[in-house]
Protein backbone atom coordinates (compact mmCIF):
# COMPACT_ATOMS: atom_id res chain seq x y z
CA UNK A 1 79.23 61.60 112.81
CA UNK A 2 81.38 64.47 111.51
CA UNK A 3 80.13 67.88 112.52
CA UNK A 4 79.63 70.43 109.73
CA UNK A 5 80.27 74.16 109.36
CA UNK A 6 78.61 76.12 106.55
CA UNK A 7 80.18 79.00 104.64
CA UNK A 8 79.24 81.26 101.73
CA UNK A 9 81.06 80.75 98.45
CA UNK A 10 82.69 78.02 96.41
CA UNK A 11 85.25 75.56 97.83
CA UNK A 12 88.54 77.42 98.10
CA UNK A 13 86.96 80.74 99.11
CA UNK A 14 88.54 82.71 101.94
CA UNK A 15 85.54 81.73 104.08
CA UNK A 16 86.45 78.09 103.40
CA UNK A 17 90.00 78.88 104.51
CA UNK A 18 88.58 80.37 107.72
CA UNK A 19 86.64 77.14 108.34
CA UNK A 20 89.73 74.97 107.89
CA UNK A 21 91.76 77.21 110.18
CA UNK A 22 89.22 77.64 112.99
CA UNK A 23 87.38 74.30 112.76
CA UNK A 24 89.85 71.80 111.24
CA UNK A 25 87.89 68.80 112.53
CA UNK A 26 84.60 69.89 110.94
CA UNK A 27 83.39 69.31 107.39
CA UNK A 28 83.10 72.63 105.53
CA UNK A 29 79.84 72.94 103.55
CA UNK A 30 79.63 75.56 100.74
CA UNK A 31 76.44 77.62 100.34
CA UNK A 32 75.37 80.10 97.67
CA UNK A 33 74.35 83.00 99.94
CA UNK A 34 74.66 84.18 103.55
CA UNK A 35 70.97 83.42 103.97
CA UNK A 36 71.62 79.84 102.84
CA UNK A 37 74.44 79.53 105.40
CA UNK A 38 72.11 80.64 108.19
CA UNK A 39 69.30 78.44 106.87
CA UNK A 40 71.55 75.38 106.81
CA UNK A 41 72.34 75.78 110.51
CA UNK A 42 68.76 76.53 111.52
CA UNK A 43 67.56 73.45 109.60
CA UNK A 44 70.17 71.22 111.25
CA UNK A 45 71.98 70.57 107.96
CA UNK A 46 75.09 72.15 109.49
CA UNK A 47 76.16 72.61 113.10
CA UNK A 48 77.80 76.02 112.79
CA UNK A 49 78.04 78.96 110.40
CA UNK A 50 81.15 80.90 109.36
CA UNK A 51 80.16 84.46 108.46
CA UNK A 52 82.40 87.42 107.56
CA UNK A 53 81.50 90.63 109.36
CA UNK A 54 84.22 93.12 108.46
CA UNK A 55 87.45 93.62 106.55
CA UNK A 56 90.34 95.83 107.62
CA UNK A 57 90.44 97.48 104.18
CA UNK A 58 86.80 97.61 103.09
CA UNK A 59 84.90 97.85 106.37
CA UNK A 60 81.80 95.89 107.19
CA UNK A 61 80.40 93.22 104.91
CA UNK A 62 77.22 94.43 103.23
CA UNK A 63 73.94 93.30 104.84
CA UNK A 64 75.62 91.09 107.45
CA UNK A 65 74.67 93.30 110.42
CA UNK A 66 71.04 93.09 109.33
CA UNK A 67 71.20 89.31 108.96
CA UNK A 68 72.89 88.46 112.28
CA UNK A 69 70.19 89.74 114.67
CA UNK A 70 67.45 88.13 112.57
CA UNK A 71 69.26 84.82 112.12
CA UNK A 72 68.15 83.23 115.38
CA UNK A 73 71.76 82.07 115.83
CA UNK A 74 74.34 82.95 118.47
CA UNK A 75 78.00 83.94 118.14
CA UNK A 76 80.26 81.25 119.61
CA UNK A 77 83.70 82.41 118.43
CA UNK A 78 85.46 84.89 116.21
CA UNK A 79 88.19 84.16 113.66
CA UNK A 80 90.61 86.43 111.81
CA UNK A 81 91.94 85.45 108.38
CA UNK A 82 94.77 87.32 106.69
CA UNK A 83 93.78 87.76 103.03
CA UNK A 84 96.76 86.50 101.05
CA UNK A 85 96.24 86.83 97.30
CA UNK A 86 97.88 84.43 94.87
CA UNK A 87 97.89 84.56 91.07
CA UNK A 88 97.30 81.11 89.61
CA UNK A 89 96.71 79.48 86.26
CA UNK A 90 96.66 76.05 84.65
CA UNK A 91 99.84 73.99 85.06
CA UNK A 92 102.62 74.70 82.61
CA UNK A 93 101.99 78.40 82.16
CA UNK A 94 104.46 81.11 83.18
CA UNK A 95 103.67 84.49 84.70
CA UNK A 96 104.73 86.12 81.41
CA UNK A 97 101.94 84.17 79.64
CA UNK A 98 99.20 85.85 81.70
CA UNK A 99 97.47 88.85 80.13
CA UNK A 100 94.19 88.81 82.05
CA UNK A 101 93.03 87.72 85.49
CA UNK A 102 89.58 87.20 86.99
CA UNK A 103 88.76 87.68 90.67
CA UNK A 104 86.12 88.95 93.03
CA UNK A 105 85.82 92.71 92.64
CA UNK A 106 87.40 93.47 96.04
CA UNK A 107 90.62 91.60 95.22
CA UNK A 108 91.47 93.53 92.06
CA UNK A 109 92.26 96.94 93.62
CA UNK A 110 94.21 95.19 96.39
CA UNK A 111 96.61 93.86 93.76
CA UNK A 112 96.60 96.91 91.50
CA UNK A 113 100.35 97.60 91.72
CA UNK A 114 101.32 94.01 90.87
CA UNK A 115 98.90 93.83 87.95
CA UNK A 116 100.05 97.15 86.52
CA UNK A 117 103.73 96.18 86.86
CA UNK A 118 103.16 92.99 84.89
CA UNK A 119 100.77 94.47 82.34
CA UNK A 120 97.85 92.30 83.42
CA UNK A 121 94.22 93.39 83.05
CA UNK A 122 91.82 92.54 85.86
CA UNK A 123 88.21 91.44 85.31
CA UNK A 124 85.55 91.16 88.01
CA UNK A 125 84.08 87.74 88.79
CA UNK A 126 81.24 86.85 91.12
CA UNK A 127 83.51 84.62 93.18
CA UNK A 128 87.29 84.10 93.07
CA UNK A 129 87.14 80.41 93.93
CA UNK A 130 84.42 79.98 91.32
CA UNK A 131 86.65 81.70 88.78
CA UNK A 132 89.41 79.24 89.69
CA UNK A 133 87.04 76.32 89.08
CA UNK A 134 86.02 77.74 85.68
CA UNK A 135 89.64 78.28 84.62
CA UNK A 136 90.52 74.71 85.57
CA UNK A 137 87.65 73.50 83.40
CA UNK A 138 87.99 75.77 80.35
CA UNK A 139 91.76 76.47 80.42
CA UNK A 140 91.28 79.85 78.73
CA UNK A 141 94.57 80.94 77.05
CA UNK A 142 96.38 83.83 78.75
CA UNK A 143 94.02 83.83 81.72
CA UNK A 144 94.81 83.62 85.42
CA UNK A 145 92.86 83.96 88.64
CA UNK A 146 93.46 85.82 91.88
CA UNK A 147 92.42 83.66 94.82
CA UNK A 148 93.69 81.76 97.84
CA UNK A 149 96.30 79.02 97.63
CA UNK A 150 93.56 76.70 98.92
CA UNK A 151 91.64 77.31 95.68
CA UNK A 152 94.73 76.37 93.67
CA UNK A 153 95.05 73.12 95.62
CA UNK A 154 91.40 72.22 95.18
CA UNK A 155 91.20 72.91 91.44
CA UNK A 156 94.66 71.72 90.42
CA UNK A 157 95.99 75.13 89.41
CA UNK A 158 99.60 76.27 89.67
CA UNK A 159 100.48 79.31 91.79
CA UNK A 160 102.60 81.72 89.73
CA UNK A 161 102.94 84.47 92.35
CA UNK A 162 102.11 84.64 96.07
CA UNK A 163 101.20 87.47 98.44
CA UNK A 164 100.73 89.99 95.66
CA UNK A 165 98.42 92.28 97.63
CA UNK A 166 99.54 95.92 97.82
CA UNK A 167 99.21 96.07 101.61
CA UNK A 168 100.17 93.39 104.13
CA UNK A 169 97.51 94.16 106.74
CA UNK A 170 94.36 93.08 104.88
CA UNK A 171 92.41 90.85 107.27
CA UNK A 172 88.82 89.65 107.42
CA UNK A 173 87.07 89.05 110.71
CA UNK A 174 84.55 86.21 110.84
CA UNK A 175 82.08 85.13 113.50
CA UNK A 176 81.20 81.48 114.08
CA UNK A 177 77.54 81.01 114.96
CA UNK A 178 75.46 78.13 116.29
CA UNK A 179 71.91 77.34 117.31
CA UNK A 180 72.52 77.47 121.06
CA UNK A 181 74.36 80.23 122.98
CA UNK A 182 77.45 79.52 125.06
CA UNK A 183 77.79 82.09 127.84
CA UNK A 184 80.57 80.31 129.71
CA UNK A 185 83.86 82.08 130.28
CA UNK A 186 86.21 80.29 127.86
CA UNK A 187 89.23 82.60 127.94
CA UNK A 188 91.02 85.33 129.83
CA UNK A 189 89.78 87.97 127.39
CA UNK A 190 86.12 87.73 126.46
CA UNK A 191 84.05 89.69 123.96
CA UNK A 192 80.33 90.47 124.01
CA UNK A 193 78.35 91.45 120.92
CA UNK A 194 74.89 92.98 121.12
CA UNK A 195 72.37 95.07 119.18
CA UNK A 196 70.08 97.74 120.58
CA UNK A 197 67.67 100.51 119.64
CA UNK A 198 67.71 103.74 121.63
CA UNK A 199 64.58 105.32 123.02
CA UNK A 200 63.24 108.41 121.25
CA UNK A 201 64.44 110.89 123.84
CA UNK A 202 67.00 113.72 123.57
CA UNK A 203 70.64 112.59 123.72
CA UNK A 204 69.60 108.94 124.24
CA UNK A 205 72.67 107.50 122.49
CA UNK A 206 75.03 109.81 124.38
CA UNK A 207 73.47 108.80 127.68
CA UNK A 208 73.42 105.12 126.74
CA UNK A 209 77.13 105.14 125.91
CA UNK A 210 78.00 106.95 129.12
CA UNK A 211 77.67 103.78 131.16
CA UNK A 212 80.52 102.14 129.29
CA UNK A 213 82.80 105.14 129.79
CA UNK A 214 82.09 105.56 133.49
CA UNK A 215 82.54 101.83 134.15
CA UNK A 216 85.77 101.55 132.14
CA UNK A 217 84.38 99.11 129.55
CA UNK A 218 86.16 99.28 126.20
CA UNK A 219 83.81 99.36 123.21
CA UNK A 220 85.73 98.16 120.14
CA UNK A 221 82.94 98.57 117.62
CA UNK A 222 79.76 100.64 117.27
CA UNK A 223 77.85 100.86 114.01
CA UNK A 224 74.36 102.02 113.10
CA UNK A 225 72.02 100.96 110.33
CA UNK A 226 68.42 101.64 109.40
CA UNK A 227 65.61 99.21 110.17
CA UNK A 228 63.00 98.36 107.53
CA UNK A 229 64.09 101.26 105.33
CA UNK A 230 63.01 103.86 107.87
CA UNK A 231 65.04 107.02 108.41
CA UNK A 232 63.75 107.32 111.98
CA UNK A 233 64.34 103.74 113.19
CA UNK A 234 68.00 102.96 113.81
CA UNK A 235 69.62 99.87 115.26
CA UNK A 236 73.13 99.84 116.71
CA UNK A 237 75.56 96.94 116.60
CA UNK A 238 78.31 96.89 119.23
CA UNK A 239 81.28 94.81 120.39
CA UNK A 240 82.72 95.31 123.87
CA UNK A 241 85.55 93.73 125.80
CA UNK A 242 84.37 91.69 128.76
CA UNK A 243 81.73 89.21 129.89
CA UNK A 244 78.19 90.14 131.04
CA UNK A 245 79.01 88.62 134.44
CA UNK A 246 81.84 91.13 134.94
CA UNK A 247 80.67 93.74 137.43
CA UNK A 248 81.65 96.69 135.21
CA UNK A 249 80.00 95.17 132.12
CA UNK A 250 76.85 94.31 134.07
CA UNK A 251 76.54 97.91 135.29
CA UNK A 252 77.13 99.32 131.81
CA UNK A 253 74.54 97.01 130.20
CA UNK A 254 72.05 97.82 132.94
CA UNK A 255 72.46 101.52 132.27
CA UNK A 256 72.22 100.91 128.53
CA UNK A 257 68.94 99.09 129.05
CA UNK A 258 67.39 102.17 130.62
CA UNK A 259 67.86 104.19 127.43
CA UNK A 260 66.91 101.48 124.90
CA UNK A 261 63.70 100.00 123.55
CA UNK A 262 65.34 96.60 123.26
CA UNK A 263 68.73 95.03 123.84
CA UNK A 264 69.72 91.64 122.43
CA UNK A 265 73.02 89.91 123.18
CA UNK A 266 74.13 88.06 120.05
CA UNK A 267 77.06 86.27 121.63
CA UNK A 268 79.71 86.00 124.34
CA UNK A 269 82.97 84.48 123.11
CA UNK A 270 86.76 84.46 123.58
CA UNK A 271 88.73 87.16 121.81
CA UNK A 272 90.78 85.74 118.94
CA UNK A 273 94.52 86.09 119.76
CA UNK A 274 94.97 87.83 116.39
CA UNK A 275 92.56 90.60 117.40
CA UNK A 276 95.42 92.60 118.92
CA UNK A 277 97.72 91.95 115.97
């Protein structure tokens, strides 16, 4: 039986592209929301979930840090996808025919220079791949879509311009999650992701972070967000280099535990080779 990986969005979305790249042997299953992606895995309708966590241009994905700790799932891998934007339309049209494009709101400013140069007006759509599907169906005159080349392939559209983003570094980081954790060492460079809440004592966060500095553990990410809408309850989300079995990491986590109310490891996984790119 073919294993399945769930993603948020329509077929052809960048999350779909991430699934095909990281899990080429799995069937990619589209879902309407992030909650639906998580629910599909928890219900056994999919084996893994592909979830975006942050983008090099726009920062963290809204609500995802709240959803991950509550998902009941575990991070198994990470995947980096370079966001390459293509302008596409129905077959037979030329770039000079396009006066308007539709795309997810975050893609429009990333292609602002190209659109201005060609006199094209951008319009926000709920989903770029969904906009591609609608254009293929309705064939609206003068209209194009900004999306991935995968979307063009799926919906039979013709790519009129490739890699039109203003900056060449735009990358989205995804995490692949499953029902059961895998704590084995599966690479030379491992990552550990965890969430914690500090105790209500003076300088608790400063003291909690000290263990990583004194033990030489590199923390690549630390973000805070409120819990249950309270201004006094804060949860921290962190990524560090290393495995919990590493002596230095074990000492740092032990020291962190002394200054926290709770500490939950969300996953231990190999670093994606593109992390350092």
